[in-house]
Amino acid sequence: MTVRAIRIYGDPVLRTPADPVTSFDDELRELVADLEDSVRVPGRAGVAAPQIGVGLRVFSYNIGGEIGHLVNPVLTDYEGEQEDDEGCLSLPDLGYSTKRAYSVTATGFDKFGNELVIPATGFLARALQHETDHLDGRLYIDV
């Protein structure tokens, strides 16, 4: 099990748009394993590759004990609105009320290159938006 250290606000990797994944190889599968191990730490809902210092478009999530990942995510079908407190591992000890879409559809790939479609509402939708923002070099304090 490899739990990777989380990069903290001020690290330039957090403000740099991540590159698309182009190779679905053993190196990517190792990265996904590290992301999924890192998100298993209690209290974590998501970890994006830039948060562990890797500039690739991939993240893991842990919502209600369901652990997954998404490579090269694209979000569509934004509907509704939700506002709730949001925090970030890269901004420890902070939390702010943040507006997000209530529902989204996330499309992308798994670690083998198989297409994934994740229809999401509520907290899962919030997490997918938060993690995708990380891949674009944005933090929730920018929303």
Foldseek 3Di string as FASTA:
>chain_A
DAAAAFAAPPPCLQQAAAAADDDLDPVLVVLLVNQQVNQPPPPHAKDAPSRRPHRYQKMWGADPNDIFMFGPKDKDDQAAKDWDWDDDPNHPPDIDIAMGGQWIWIWGAGSNRHIDIDTDGDPVRVRVVQRNCSNGSHHRVVD
